[in-house]
């Protein structure tokens, strides 16, 4: 294992149980955050697309149900 030097390029501050903690962040940390952000955005886009398809299908089914109800009520 080589001695790879990681330089702190930022600081994250968190409060945990009323105690403030600071952590040094490296370029690798920021790269990880960017990757997680992209994965989250992709997940949100996928869920949004699924919800849009679900909404369209719901409208179709409600329309079909309305036709069935109308046909049933006129048949009586």
C-alpha atoms as a PDB file:
ATOM      1  CA  UNK A   1       0.000   0.000   0.000  1.00  0.00           C
ATOM      2  CA  UNK A   2       1.489   3.316  -1.043  1.00  0.00           C
ATOM      3  CA  UNK A   3       1.553   6.559   0.877  1.00  0.00           C
ATOM      4  CA  UNK A   4      -0.992   8.586  -1.007  1.00  0.00           C
ATOM      5  CA  UNK A   5      -1.286  12.112   0.340  1.00  0.00           C
ATOM      6  CA  UNK A   6      -4.848  13.381   0.653  1.00  0.00           C
ATOM      7  CA  UNK A   7      -5.122  17.100   1.087  1.00  0.00           C
ATOM      8  CA  UNK A   8      -8.056  18.622   2.883  1.00  0.00           C
ATOM      9  CA  UNK A   9      -9.865  20.967   0.502  1.00  0.00           C
ATOM     10  CA  UNK A  10     -12.960  21.609   2.595  1.00  0.00           C
ATOM     11  CA  UNK A  11     -14.528  21.163   5.991  1.00  0.00           C
ATOM     12  CA  UNK A  12     -17.887  19.661   6.911  1.00  0.00           C
ATOM     13  CA  UNK A  13     -19.451  20.692  10.207  1.00  0.00           C
ATOM     14  CA  UNK A  14     -22.052  18.500  11.900  1.00  0.00           C
ATOM     15  CA  UNK A  15     -23.815  18.734  15.209  1.00  0.00           C
ATOM     16  CA  UNK A  16     -24.220  15.303  16.804  1.00  0.00           C
ATOM     17  CA  UNK A  17     -25.991  15.025  20.157  1.00  0.00           C
ATOM     18  CA  UNK A  18     -25.417  18.721  20.794  1.00  0.00           C
ATOM     19  CA  UNK A  19     -21.664  18.476  20.091  1.00  0.00           C
ATOM     20  CA  UNK A  20     -20.215  20.155  17.005  1.00  0.00           C
ATOM     21  CA  UNK A  21     -17.787  18.029  14.996  1.00  0.00           C
ATOM     22  CA  UNK A  22     -15.715  19.087  12.013  1.00  0.00           C
ATOM     23  CA  UNK A  23     -14.393  16.715   9.375  1.00  0.00           C
ATOM     24  CA  UNK A  24     -11.816  17.464   6.711  1.00  0.00           C
ATOM     25  CA  UNK A  25     -12.963  16.694   3.164  1.00  0.00           C
ATOM     26  CA  UNK A  26     -10.689  15.614   0.329  1.00  0.00           C
ATOM     27  CA  UNK A  27     -11.172  15.729  -3.433  1.00  0.00           C
ATOM     28  CA  UNK A  28     -12.222  12.061  -3.277  1.00  0.00           C
ATOM     29  CA  UNK A  29     -14.964  12.983  -0.788  1.00  0.00           C
ATOM     30  CA  UNK A  30     -16.284  15.691  -3.095  1.00  0.00           C
ATOM     31  CA  UNK A  31     -16.141  13.296  -6.068  1.00  0.00           C
ATOM     32  CA  UNK A  32     -18.173  10.785  -4.041  1.00  0.00           C
ATOM     33  CA  UNK A  33     -20.747  13.481  -3.203  1.00  0.00           C
ATOM     34  CA  UNK A  34     -21.029  14.419  -6.897  1.00  0.00           C
ATOM     35  CA  UNK A  35     -21.562  10.765  -7.834  1.00  0.00           C
ATOM     36  CA  UNK A  36     -24.218  10.334  -5.132  1.00  0.00           C
ATOM     37  CA  UNK A  37     -25.938  13.526  -6.301  1.00  0.00           C
ATOM     38  CA  UNK A  38     -26.040  12.222  -9.888  1.00  0.00           C
ATOM     39  CA  UNK A  39     -27.417   8.844  -8.771  1.00  0.00           C
ATOM     40  CA  UNK A  40     -30.085  10.597  -6.709  1.00  0.00           C
ATOM     41  CA  UNK A  41     -31.057  12.809  -9.660  1.00  0.00           C
ATOM     42  CA  UNK A  42     -31.283   9.733 -11.908  1.00  0.00           C
ATOM     43  CA  UNK A  43     -33.478   7.999  -9.335  1.00  0.00           C
ATOM     44  CA  UNK A  44     -35.764  11.034  -9.075  1.00  0.00           C
ATOM     45  CA  UNK A  45     -36.080  11.184 -12.883  1.00  0.00           C
ATOM     46  CA  UNK A  46     -36.946   7.485 -12.988  1.00  0.00           C
ATOM     47  CA  UNK A  47     -39.581   7.828 -10.270  1.00  0.00           C
ATOM     48  CA  UNK A  48     -41.061  10.894 -11.964  1.00  0.00           C
ATOM     49  CA  UNK A  49     -41.321   9.002 -15.234  1.00  0.00           C
ATOM     50  CA  UNK A  50     -42.994   6.068 -13.460  1.00  0.00           C
ATOM     51  CA  UNK A  51     -45.479   8.401 -11.787  1.00  0.00           C
ATOM     52  CA  UNK A  52     -46.304  10.041 -15.126  1.00  0.00           C
ATOM     53  CA  UNK A  53     -46.969   6.622 -16.695  1.00  0.00           C
ATOM     54  CA  UNK A  54     -49.067   5.611 -13.688  1.00  0.00           C
ATOM     55  CA  UNK A  55     -51.086   8.834 -13.940  1.00  0.00           C
ATOM     56  CA  UNK A  56     -51.721   8.290 -17.660  1.00  0.00           C
ATOM     57  CA  UNK A  57     -52.832   4.689 -17.024  1.00  0.00           C
ATOM     58  CA  UNK A  58     -55.105   5.854 -14.195  1.00  0.00           C
ATOM     59  CA  UNK A  59     -56.820   8.362 -16.494  1.00  0.00           C
ATOM     60  CA  UNK A  60     -57.377   5.641 -19.130  1.00  0.00           C
ATOM     61  CA  UNK A  61     -58.833   3.232 -16.567  1.00  0.00           C
ATOM     62  CA  UNK A  62     -61.096   5.895 -15.067  1.00  0.00           C
ATOM     63  CA  UNK A  63     -62.364   6.729 -18.552  1.00  0.00           C
ATOM     64  CA  UNK A  64     -63.085   3.064 -19.262  1.00  0.00           C
ATOM     65  CA  UNK A  65     -64.863   2.730 -15.913  1.00  0.00           C
ATOM     66  CA  UNK A  66     -67.020   5.769 -16.677  1.00  0.00           C
ATOM     67  CA  UNK A  67     -68.053   4.193 -20.000  1.00  0.00           C
ATOM     68  CA  UNK A  68     -68.906   0.900 -18.250  1.00  0.00           C
ATOM     69  CA  UNK A  69     -70.954   2.700 -15.603  1.00  0.00           C
ATOM     70  CA  UNK A  70     -72.765   4.734 -18.226  1.00  0.00           C
ATOM     71  CA  UNK A  71     -73.521   1.576 -20.229  1.00  0.00           C
ATOM     72  CA  UNK A  72     -74.751  -0.186 -17.074  1.00  0.00           C
ATOM     73  CA  UNK A  73     -77.026   2.664 -16.051  1.00  0.00           C
ATOM     74  CA  UNK A  74     -78.607   2.985 -19.508  1.00  0.00           C
ATOM     75  CA  UNK A  75     -79.187  -0.787 -19.696  1.00  0.00           C
ATOM     76  CA  UNK A  76     -81.386  -0.736 -16.571  1.00  0.00           C
END
